Amino acid sequence: MKTTVKSFFLLMFASATLAACDNCGDISITEPSTEDSQWLVYGTGDTALFRNEAGATITYLRTGIYAQNVPGDGYSISDDCIDKRNTQVTNIIEDKERKMPYLGTYILKKPDSLIVKIGVGNKNAWDIKDTDQTQTVTVGEGESQITYNNAYVFEADSTAADSPKEVYFSKDKGFLKVELYNGKKLELVELKSK
């Protein structure tokens, strides 16, 4: 949560700096389309129910969405006038008890591309590239098994106890599975949309 608050204030500072230039002339802002925004997955009032390693249900809620215009390619925050701006959006979900890491989705819309990232707490983040291949994955065991098509599978390069070991993610359901090296696990049971 500390990282989220710090990032939010950094974004607010950048926004104030970008908005302070009144004599820049026409400013073009590249905004995400509706299709681009689908990568953020979780909407207002959505609830993601996960099963942990002990079989208990963990409830995750969307706790924040942060949209920000950032300098376009070739510009920096220190430029006097930034007439080309891109838009970045970060979406955060957290468990009600705040015992597990927050989960985040991020997009950065540029005129000719879309950058998509997912992250688990402040431990790991992965880019989802156009070249990444989706897989069919199974989450859960026995009668509670659910098979998902079109899932991205990521493995961490860190073996720290509280780092993610393996993450499954899909564009339509979000985080399907998060397994940490310390044995803690989240497996999606249901995504409830309002």
Protein backbone atom coordinates (compact mmCIF):
# COMPACT_ATOMS: atom_id res chain seq x y z
CA MET A 1 0.00 0.00 0.00
CA LYS A 2 2.91 2.32 0.75
CA THR A 3 4.16 1.90 -2.82
CA THR A 4 0.68 2.64 -4.17
CA VAL A 5 0.39 5.86 -2.15
CA LYS A 6 3.90 6.95 -3.14
CA SER A 7 3.16 6.25 -6.82
CA PHE A 8 -0.14 8.11 -6.59
CA PHE A 9 1.53 11.26 -5.22
CA LEU A 10 4.27 11.04 -7.85
CA LEU A 11 1.58 10.86 -10.53
CA MET A 12 -0.24 13.84 -9.02
CA PHE A 13 3.00 15.86 -9.10
CA ALA A 14 3.58 14.92 -12.72
CA SER A 15 0.01 15.88 -13.57
CA ALA A 16 0.38 19.30 -11.95
CA THR A 17 3.61 19.88 -13.83
CA LEU A 18 2.07 18.86 -17.14
CA ALA A 19 -0.99 21.03 -16.55
CA ALA A 20 1.08 24.08 -15.60
CA CYS A 21 2.02 24.96 -19.19
CA ASP A 22 -0.59 27.34 -20.63
CA ASN A 23 1.29 28.52 -23.73
CA CYS A 24 2.01 25.21 -25.45
CA GLY A 25 -0.56 25.59 -28.19
CA ASP A 26 -2.43 22.49 -29.31
CA ILE A 27 -1.83 19.49 -27.11
CA SER A 28 -2.50 16.00 -28.41
CA ILE A 29 -3.36 13.38 -25.81
CA THR A 30 -3.39 9.71 -26.77
CA GLU A 31 -6.16 8.04 -24.77
CA PRO A 32 -6.91 4.33 -24.42
CA SER A 33 -9.82 2.90 -26.37
CA THR A 34 -12.54 0.80 -24.77
CA GLU A 35 -10.76 -2.30 -26.05
CA ASP A 36 -7.45 -1.13 -24.52
CA SER A 37 -9.17 -0.57 -21.17
CA GLN A 38 -10.39 -4.19 -21.08
CA TRP A 39 -6.85 -5.13 -19.97
CA LEU A 40 -7.56 -3.37 -16.66
CA VAL A 41 -10.23 -6.07 -16.01
CA TYR A 42 -11.66 -4.91 -12.69
CA GLY A 43 -14.41 -2.29 -12.60
CA THR A 44 -16.03 -0.26 -9.84
CA GLY A 45 -17.69 -2.55 -7.32
CA ASP A 46 -16.15 -5.73 -8.74
CA THR A 47 -15.21 -8.47 -6.28
CA ALA A 48 -12.71 -11.23 -6.97
CA LEU A 49 -13.04 -14.30 -4.76
CA PHE A 50 -9.92 -16.43 -4.42
CA ARG A 51 -9.28 -19.70 -2.61
CA ASN A 52 -6.05 -19.77 -0.61
CA GLU A 53 -3.74 -22.71 0.13
CA ALA A 54 -5.84 -23.66 3.19
CA GLY A 55 -9.11 -23.67 1.22
CA ALA A 56 -10.43 -20.42 2.74
CA THR A 57 -12.04 -17.76 0.55
CA ILE A 58 -10.15 -14.46 0.25
CA THR A 59 -12.08 -11.44 -1.03
CA TYR A 60 -10.27 -8.90 -3.21
CA LEU A 61 -11.82 -5.51 -3.98
CA ARG A 62 -10.77 -2.80 -6.38
CA THR A 63 -9.22 -0.16 -4.15
CA GLY A 64 -7.95 2.27 -6.74
CA ILE A 65 -7.72 3.28 -10.35
CA TYR A 66 -5.21 5.94 -11.27
CA ALA A 67 -5.19 7.63 -14.68
CA GLN A 68 -2.47 10.03 -15.69
CA ASN A 69 -1.19 11.87 -18.74
CA VAL A 70 2.57 11.45 -19.16
CA PRO A 71 5.01 13.08 -21.58
CA GLY A 72 4.92 11.55 -25.05
CA ASP A 73 7.98 9.95 -26.62
CA GLY A 74 10.80 12.48 -26.97
CA TYR A 75 9.61 14.62 -24.05
CA SER A 76 10.44 14.62 -20.36
CA ILE A 77 8.72 16.04 -17.30
CA SER A 78 11.30 18.86 -17.19
CA ASP A 79 10.38 20.23 -20.65
CA ASP A 80 8.67 23.64 -20.67
CA CYS A 81 6.00 22.58 -23.14
CA ILE A 82 4.86 19.04 -23.73
CA ASP A 83 2.44 19.05 -26.62
CA LYS A 84 2.24 15.26 -27.04
CA ARG A 85 1.02 13.22 -24.10
CA ASN A 86 0.28 9.56 -23.55
CA THR A 87 -2.15 8.14 -21.00
CA GLN A 88 -1.31 5.55 -18.37
CA VAL A 89 -3.86 3.83 -16.15
CA THR A 90 -3.17 1.60 -13.14
CA ASN A 91 -5.87 -0.55 -11.54
CA ILE A 92 -5.29 -2.04 -8.07
CA ILE A 93 -7.18 -4.78 -6.22
CA GLU A 94 -6.43 -5.73 -2.61
CA ASP A 95 -7.70 -8.32 -0.18
CA LYS A 96 -10.03 -7.00 2.52
CA GLU A 97 -7.70 -8.14 5.30
CA ARG A 98 -4.56 -6.74 3.59
CA LYS A 99 -2.64 -9.91 4.36
CA MET A 100 -1.83 -10.84 0.77
CA PRO A 101 -0.04 -8.69 -1.81
CA TYR A 102 -2.08 -6.28 -3.89
CA LEU A 103 -2.56 -7.17 -7.55
CA GLY A 104 -2.25 -4.58 -10.29
CA THR A 105 -2.94 -4.13 -13.98
CA TYR A 106 -1.40 -1.27 -15.95
CA ILE A 107 -1.72 0.13 -19.45
CA LEU A 108 0.18 2.90 -21.23
CA LYS A 109 -1.43 4.11 -24.45
CA LYS A 110 0.92 5.59 -27.04
CA PRO A 111 -0.07 6.76 -30.55
CA ASP A 112 1.30 3.60 -32.15
CA SER A 113 1.25 1.03 -29.35
CA LEU A 114 -0.22 -0.18 -26.07
CA ILE A 115 1.98 -1.35 -23.21
CA VAL A 116 0.29 -3.79 -20.82
CA LYS A 117 1.75 -4.89 -17.49
CA ILE A 118 0.55 -6.90 -14.51
CA GLY A 119 2.12 -6.94 -11.08
CA VAL A 120 2.00 -8.67 -7.73
CA GLY A 121 2.67 -6.27 -4.89
CA ASN A 122 5.97 -4.49 -5.22
CA LYS A 123 7.77 -7.77 -5.94
CA ASN A 124 7.25 -8.54 -9.61
CA ALA A 125 5.77 -7.02 -12.75
CA TRP A 126 5.53 -8.54 -16.19
CA ASP A 127 4.93 -7.04 -19.63
CA ILE A 128 2.30 -8.75 -21.74
CA LYS A 129 3.64 -8.54 -25.28
CA ASP A 130 1.89 -9.18 -28.59
CA THR A 131 4.27 -12.09 -29.09
CA ASP A 132 3.34 -13.80 -25.80
CA GLN A 133 1.40 -17.01 -26.35
CA THR A 134 -1.63 -17.85 -24.23
CA GLN A 135 -2.18 -21.29 -22.76
CA THR A 136 -5.00 -23.40 -21.41
CA VAL A 137 -4.57 -23.70 -17.64
CA THR A 138 -6.39 -25.48 -14.83
CA VAL A 139 -6.88 -23.86 -11.45
CA GLY A 140 -8.05 -25.68 -8.32
CA GLU A 141 -8.36 -29.36 -7.51
CA GLY A 142 -11.03 -32.03 -7.64
CA GLU A 143 -14.59 -30.80 -8.11
CA SER A 144 -13.52 -27.18 -7.77
CA GLN A 145 -11.23 -27.36 -10.81
CA ILE A 146 -11.76 -24.65 -13.43
CA THR A 147 -10.13 -24.64 -16.85
CA TYR A 148 -9.34 -21.30 -18.48
CA ASN A 149 -8.39 -20.73 -22.10
CA ASN A 150 -6.22 -17.82 -23.27
CA ALA A 151 -4.24 -17.45 -20.04
CA TYR A 152 -0.80 -15.87 -19.81
CA VAL A 153 1.61 -17.80 -17.59
CA PHE A 154 4.45 -15.96 -15.85
CA GLU A 155 7.21 -17.18 -13.57
CA ALA A 156 9.33 -14.99 -11.32
CA ASP A 157 13.07 -14.70 -11.52
CA SER A 158 13.35 -14.20 -7.75
CA THR A 159 13.08 -16.98 -5.19
CA ALA A 160 12.51 -14.75 -2.13
CA ALA A 161 9.88 -16.29 0.16
CA ASP A 162 7.30 -13.54 -0.41
CA SER A 163 7.88 -13.31 -4.18
CA PRO A 164 5.48 -14.81 -6.72
CA LYS A 165 6.53 -18.18 -8.07
CA GLU A 166 3.88 -18.48 -10.78
CA VAL A 167 1.05 -16.25 -12.01
CA TYR A 168 -1.81 -16.99 -14.41
CA PHE A 169 -3.64 -14.01 -15.94
CA SER A 170 -6.34 -13.60 -18.57
CA LYS A 171 -7.71 -10.49 -20.24
CA ASP A 172 -11.31 -11.36 -19.37
CA LYS A 173 -10.96 -12.70 -15.79
CA GLY A 174 -7.78 -11.02 -14.55
CA PHE A 175 -5.62 -12.90 -12.06
CA LEU A 176 -6.46 -16.60 -12.16
CA LYS A 177 -3.69 -17.90 -9.91
CA VAL A 178 -0.93 -16.36 -7.83
CA GLU A 179 1.47 -18.75 -6.10
CA LEU A 180 4.22 -17.40 -3.84
CA TYR A 181 7.49 -19.13 -2.94
CA ASN A 182 6.44 -19.22 0.73
CA GLY A 183 3.57 -21.61 -0.14
CA LYS A 184 0.78 -19.02 -0.09
CA LYS A 185 -1.59 -19.27 -3.00
CA LEU A 186 -4.59 -17.52 -4.55
CA GLU A 187 -6.79 -19.34 -7.06
CA LEU A 188 -9.74 -17.55 -8.63
CA VAL A 189 -13.12 -18.95 -7.63
CA GLU A 190 -15.34 -16.22 -9.05
CA LEU A 191 -15.19 -12.69 -10.44
CA LYS A 192 -18.35 -10.80 -9.53
CA SER A 193 -19.07 -7.71 -11.59
CA LYS A 194 -21.58 -5.03 -10.61
